[in-house]
């Protein structure tokens, strides 16, 4: 005998977020499993709930660079949803990690520039916002900012280096 019950996702996400405040890594892993399961349901847009639990997930020490490397690869996916998701996460990481991403600046720029010209407007909008966020980062070559790599990316996409 199966018993079915209805749970509103809008009511469940705050409960999930509140439960993630525990330090026990096994409990947190279990809760992340719930997020993964919910993300696999086609009718639920978990990306819309990302702000509700992202800060709680990132309470641990975060390697923004390693995550950015993975997202940069996914930003060129032929699948529209994958591109949009990757560029949205890159945008959030740039906002959260800012100067920690300086060594990955050229890779991120190489990922978002093609998205600025994407056929899908929602991808273009997020890519432009991410570009603006990157430009706001005050980077120093001594901190791993590779000017040569940036110029190389700009030339690859035929962008005039004098444009700021």
C-alpha atoms as a PDB file:
ATOM      1  CA  UNK A   1       0.000   0.000   0.000  1.00  0.00           C
ATOM      2  CA  UNK A   2       1.386   3.382  -1.018  1.00  0.00           C
ATOM      3  CA  UNK A   3       0.516   6.617   0.684  1.00  0.00           C
ATOM      4  CA  UNK A   4       0.917   9.780  -1.333  1.00  0.00           C
ATOM      5  CA  UNK A   5       1.105  13.228   0.133  1.00  0.00           C
ATOM      6  CA  UNK A   6       1.526  16.650  -1.326  1.00  0.00           C
ATOM      7  CA  UNK A   7       4.276  18.981  -0.162  1.00  0.00           C
ATOM      8  CA  UNK A   8       4.581  22.487  -1.521  1.00  0.00           C
ATOM      9  CA  UNK A   9       8.109  23.108  -2.779  1.00  0.00           C
ATOM     10  CA  UNK A  10       7.800  26.737  -1.655  1.00  0.00           C
ATOM     11  CA  UNK A  11       7.187  25.493   1.896  1.00  0.00           C
ATOM     12  CA  UNK A  12       9.783  22.726   1.760  1.00  0.00           C
ATOM     13  CA  UNK A  13      12.780  24.810   0.624  1.00  0.00           C
ATOM     14  CA  UNK A  14      12.805  27.052   3.749  1.00  0.00           C
ATOM     15  CA  UNK A  15      12.675  23.919   5.929  1.00  0.00           C
ATOM     16  CA  UNK A  16      15.528  22.420   3.941  1.00  0.00           C
ATOM     17  CA  UNK A  17      17.542  25.620   4.265  1.00  0.00           C
ATOM     18  CA  UNK A  18      16.974  25.787   8.008  1.00  0.00           C
ATOM     19  CA  UNK A  19      18.029  22.159   8.416  1.00  0.00           C
ATOM     20  CA  UNK A  20      21.308  22.818   6.583  1.00  0.00           C
ATOM     21  CA  UNK A  21      22.598  24.971   9.424  1.00  0.00           C
ATOM     22  CA  UNK A  22      23.914  21.830  11.128  1.00  0.00           C
ATOM     23  CA  UNK A  23      27.647  21.160  11.156  1.00  0.00           C
ATOM     24  CA  UNK A  24      27.375  17.389  10.797  1.00  0.00           C
ATOM     25  CA  UNK A  25      28.704  16.660   7.283  1.00  0.00           C
ATOM     26  CA  UNK A  26      26.556  13.529   6.929  1.00  0.00           C
ATOM     27  CA  UNK A  27      23.362  15.444   7.618  1.00  0.00           C
ATOM     28  CA  UNK A  28      24.439  18.171   5.186  1.00  0.00           C
ATOM     29  CA  UNK A  29      25.239  15.530   2.549  1.00  0.00           C
ATOM     30  CA  UNK A  30      21.803  13.987   3.075  1.00  0.00           C
ATOM     31  CA  UNK A  31      20.156  17.387   2.622  1.00  0.00           C
ATOM     32  CA  UNK A  32      22.194  18.118  -0.504  1.00  0.00           C
ATOM     33  CA  UNK A  33      20.898  14.769  -1.744  1.00  0.00           C
ATOM     34  CA  UNK A  34      17.377  16.138  -1.357  1.00  0.00           C
ATOM     35  CA  UNK A  35      18.344  19.154  -3.450  1.00  0.00           C
ATOM     36  CA  UNK A  36      19.748  16.816  -6.112  1.00  0.00           C
ATOM     37  CA  UNK A  37      16.566  14.731  -6.140  1.00  0.00           C
ATOM     38  CA  UNK A  38      14.383  17.831  -6.398  1.00  0.00           C
ATOM     39  CA  UNK A  39      16.590  19.159  -9.193  1.00  0.00           C
ATOM     40  CA  UNK A  40      15.948  15.970 -11.167  1.00  0.00           C
ATOM     41  CA  UNK A  41      12.179  16.585 -11.143  1.00  0.00           C
ATOM     42  CA  UNK A  42      11.335  18.235 -14.469  1.00  0.00           C
ATOM     43  CA  UNK A  43       8.517  20.382 -13.046  1.00  0.00           C
ATOM     44  CA  UNK A  44      10.693  21.937 -10.327  1.00  0.00           C
ATOM     45  CA  UNK A  45      13.080  24.756 -11.217  1.00  0.00           C
ATOM     46  CA  UNK A  46      15.638  24.431  -8.420  1.00  0.00           C
ATOM     47  CA  UNK A  47      17.775  27.175  -9.940  1.00  0.00           C
ATOM     48  CA  UNK A  48      15.078  29.612  -8.859  1.00  0.00           C
ATOM     49  CA  UNK A  49      15.612  28.462  -5.272  1.00  0.00           C
ATOM     50  CA  UNK A  50      19.411  28.742  -5.460  1.00  0.00           C
ATOM     51  CA  UNK A  51      19.579  31.986  -3.441  1.00  0.00           C
ATOM     52  CA  UNK A  52      17.578  30.301  -0.658  1.00  0.00           C
ATOM     53  CA  UNK A  53      20.250  27.737   0.126  1.00  0.00           C
ATOM     54  CA  UNK A  54      23.457  28.802  -1.624  1.00  0.00           C
ATOM     55  CA  UNK A  55      24.802  30.842   1.286  1.00  0.00           C
ATOM     56  CA  UNK A  56      24.195  27.933   3.678  1.00  0.00           C
ATOM     57  CA  UNK A  57      25.939  25.507   1.344  1.00  0.00           C
ATOM     58  CA  UNK A  58      28.936  27.801   1.078  1.00  0.00           C
ATOM     59  CA  UNK A  59      29.520  28.177   4.824  1.00  0.00           C
ATOM     60  CA  UNK A  60      32.470  25.780   4.466  1.00  0.00           C
ATOM     61  CA  UNK A  61      35.729  26.898   2.915  1.00  0.00           C
ATOM     62  CA  UNK A  62      35.008  27.278  -0.791  1.00  0.00           C
ATOM     63  CA  UNK A  63      37.395  26.745  -3.674  1.00  0.00           C
ATOM     64  CA  UNK A  64      35.723  29.155  -6.074  1.00  0.00           C
ATOM     65  CA  UNK A  65      38.482  28.640  -8.612  1.00  0.00           C
ATOM     66  CA  UNK A  66      37.954  24.889  -8.954  1.00  0.00           C
ATOM     67  CA  UNK A  67      34.202  25.340  -9.214  1.00  0.00           C
ATOM     68  CA  UNK A  68      34.691  28.115 -11.770  1.00  0.00           C
ATOM     69  CA  UNK A  69      36.852  25.797 -13.887  1.00  0.00           C
ATOM     70  CA  UNK A  70      34.013  23.267 -14.065  1.00  0.00           C
ATOM     71  CA  UNK A  71      31.411  25.916 -14.847  1.00  0.00           C
ATOM     72  CA  UNK A  72      33.590  27.495 -17.534  1.00  0.00           C
ATOM     73  CA  UNK A  73      33.612  24.141 -19.349  1.00  0.00           C
ATOM     74  CA  UNK A  74      29.827  23.858 -19.089  1.00  0.00           C
ATOM     75  CA  UNK A  75      29.220  27.411 -20.324  1.00  0.00           C
ATOM     76  CA  UNK A  76      30.009  26.286 -23.870  1.00  0.00           C
ATOM     77  CA  UNK A  77      27.568  23.372 -23.804  1.00  0.00           C
ATOM     78  CA  UNK A  78      25.324  22.971 -26.847  1.00  0.00           C
ATOM     79  CA  UNK A  79      22.419  22.542 -24.407  1.00  0.00           C
ATOM     80  CA  UNK A  80      20.757  25.893 -23.664  1.00  0.00           C
ATOM     81  CA  UNK A  81      19.743  25.015 -20.100  1.00  0.00           C
ATOM     82  CA  UNK A  82      23.276  23.842 -19.254  1.00  0.00           C
ATOM     83  CA  UNK A  83      24.777  27.058 -20.664  1.00  0.00           C
ATOM     84  CA  UNK A  84      22.294  29.211 -18.766  1.00  0.00           C
ATOM     85  CA  UNK A  85      22.817  27.305 -15.516  1.00  0.00           C
ATOM     86  CA  UNK A  86      26.614  27.463 -15.833  1.00  0.00           C
ATOM     87  CA  UNK A  87      26.683  31.182 -16.624  1.00  0.00           C
ATOM     88  CA  UNK A  88      24.232  31.888 -13.773  1.00  0.00           C
ATOM     89  CA  UNK A  89      26.434  30.012 -11.298  1.00  0.00           C
ATOM     90  CA  UNK A  90      29.552  31.764 -12.645  1.00  0.00           C
ATOM     91  CA  UNK A  91      27.767  35.062 -12.077  1.00  0.00           C
ATOM     92  CA  UNK A  92      27.002  34.119  -8.462  1.00  0.00           C
ATOM     93  CA  UNK A  93      30.566  32.930  -7.836  1.00  0.00           C
ATOM     94  CA  UNK A  94      31.994  36.158  -9.244  1.00  0.00           C
ATOM     95  CA  UNK A  95      29.728  38.093  -6.874  1.00  0.00           C
ATOM     96  CA  UNK A  96      30.638  35.887  -3.903  1.00  0.00           C
ATOM     97  CA  UNK A  97      34.279  35.101  -4.637  1.00  0.00           C
ATOM     98  CA  UNK A  98      35.342  38.255  -6.455  1.00  0.00           C
ATOM     99  CA  UNK A  99      39.060  38.679  -5.919  1.00  0.00           C
ATOM    100  CA  UNK A 100      39.521  34.951  -5.198  1.00  0.00           C
ATOM    101  CA  UNK A 101      38.732  34.382  -8.872  1.00  0.00           C
ATOM    102  CA  UNK A 102      41.411  36.755 -10.218  1.00  0.00           C
ATOM    103  CA  UNK A 103      43.656  33.878 -11.383  1.00  0.00           C
ATOM    104  CA  UNK A 104      40.668  32.468 -13.321  1.00  0.00           C
ATOM    105  CA  UNK A 105      39.593  35.802 -14.766  1.00  0.00           C
ATOM    106  CA  UNK A 106      40.728  35.011 -18.324  1.00  0.00           C
ATOM    107  CA  UNK A 107      39.017  31.594 -18.301  1.00  0.00           C
ATOM    108  CA  UNK A 108      35.792  33.120 -17.014  1.00  0.00           C
ATOM    109  CA  UNK A 109      36.001  35.907 -19.555  1.00  0.00           C
ATOM    110  CA  UNK A 110      36.562  33.318 -22.289  1.00  0.00           C
ATOM    111  CA  UNK A 111      33.387  31.554 -21.164  1.00  0.00           C
ATOM    112  CA  UNK A 112      31.126  34.592 -20.873  1.00  0.00           C
ATOM    113  CA  UNK A 113      32.110  36.457 -24.040  1.00  0.00           C
ATOM    114  CA  UNK A 114      30.490  33.901 -26.387  1.00  0.00           C
ATOM    115  CA  UNK A 115      27.435  33.909 -24.105  1.00  0.00           C
ATOM    116  CA  UNK A 116      27.083  37.684 -24.537  1.00  0.00           C
ATOM    117  CA  UNK A 117      26.260  36.912 -28.173  1.00  0.00           C
ATOM    118  CA  UNK A 118      24.127  33.832 -27.393  1.00  0.00           C
ATOM    119  CA  UNK A 119      20.884  33.363 -29.311  1.00  0.00           C
ATOM    120  CA  UNK A 120      18.968  33.120 -26.020  1.00  0.00           C
ATOM    121  CA  UNK A 121      18.258  36.474 -24.384  1.00  0.00           C
ATOM    122  CA  UNK A 122      18.303  35.141 -20.802  1.00  0.00           C
ATOM    123  CA  UNK A 123      21.846  33.836 -21.364  1.00  0.00           C
ATOM    124  CA  UNK A 124      22.955  37.153 -22.889  1.00  0.00           C
ATOM    125  CA  UNK A 125      21.539  39.086 -19.923  1.00  0.00           C
ATOM    126  CA  UNK A 126      23.362  36.990 -17.314  1.00  0.00           C
ATOM    127  CA  UNK A 127      26.579  37.023 -19.365  1.00  0.00           C
ATOM    128  CA  UNK A 128      26.515  40.839 -19.586  1.00  0.00           C
ATOM    129  CA  UNK A 129      25.873  41.108 -15.855  1.00  0.00           C
ATOM    130  CA  UNK A 130      28.774  38.735 -15.178  1.00  0.00           C
ATOM    131  CA  UNK A 131      31.013  40.784 -17.460  1.00  0.00           C
ATOM    132  CA  UNK A 132      30.102  43.914 -15.500  1.00  0.00           C
ATOM    133  CA  UNK A 133      30.869  42.111 -12.226  1.00  0.00           C
ATOM    134  CA  UNK A 134      34.260  40.997 -13.581  1.00  0.00           C
ATOM    135  CA  UNK A 135      35.082  44.510 -14.676  1.00  0.00           C
ATOM    136  CA  UNK A 136      34.315  45.782 -11.171  1.00  0.00           C
ATOM    137  CA  UNK A 137      36.947  43.505  -9.620  1.00  0.00           C
ATOM    138  CA  UNK A 138      40.069  45.476  -8.799  1.00  0.00           C
ATOM    139  CA  UNK A 139      42.797  43.114  -9.952  1.00  0.00           C
ATOM    140  CA  UNK A 140      46.542  43.380  -9.546  1.00  0.00           C
ATOM    141  CA  UNK A 141      49.044  41.394 -11.647  1.00  0.00           C
ATOM    142  CA  UNK A 142      50.790  40.520  -8.379  1.00  0.00           C
ATOM    143  CA  UNK A 143      47.621  38.663  -7.303  1.00  0.00           C
ATOM    144  CA  UNK A 144      47.671  36.351 -10.318  1.00  0.00           C
ATOM    145  CA  UNK A 145      45.919  38.654 -12.792  1.00  0.00           C
ATOM    146  CA  UNK A 146      47.322  37.676 -16.182  1.00  0.00           C
ATOM    147  CA  UNK A 147      47.063  40.692 -18.483  1.00  0.00           C
ATOM    148  CA  UNK A 148      48.517  38.720 -21.398  1.00  0.00           C
ATOM    149  CA  UNK A 149      45.805  36.061 -21.092  1.00  0.00           C
ATOM    150  CA  UNK A 150      43.108  38.739 -21.006  1.00  0.00           C
ATOM    151  CA  UNK A 151      44.496  40.367 -24.159  1.00  0.00           C
ATOM    152  CA  UNK A 152      44.640  36.947 -25.825  1.00  0.00           C
ATOM    153  CA  UNK A 153      40.971  36.311 -24.990  1.00  0.00           C
ATOM    154  CA  UNK A 154      40.046  39.796 -26.226  1.00  0.00           C
ATOM    155  CA  UNK A 155      41.855  39.155 -29.511  1.00  0.00           C
ATOM    156  CA  UNK A 156      40.195  35.751 -29.891  1.00  0.00           C
ATOM    157  CA  UNK A 157      36.800  37.440 -29.776  1.00  0.00           C
ATOM    158  CA  UNK A 158      38.016  40.442 -31.779  1.00  0.00           C
ATOM    159  CA  UNK A 159      37.543  42.929 -28.957  1.00  0.00           C
ATOM    160  CA  UNK A 160      39.503  46.133 -29.076  1.00  0.00           C
ATOM    161  CA  UNK A 161      41.878  46.096 -26.070  1.00  0.00           C
ATOM    162  CA  UNK A 162      41.462  49.860 -25.633  1.00  0.00           C
ATOM    163  CA  UNK A 163      37.791  49.380 -24.719  1.00  0.00           C
ATOM    164  CA  UNK A 164      37.423  49.444 -20.933  1.00  0.00           C
END
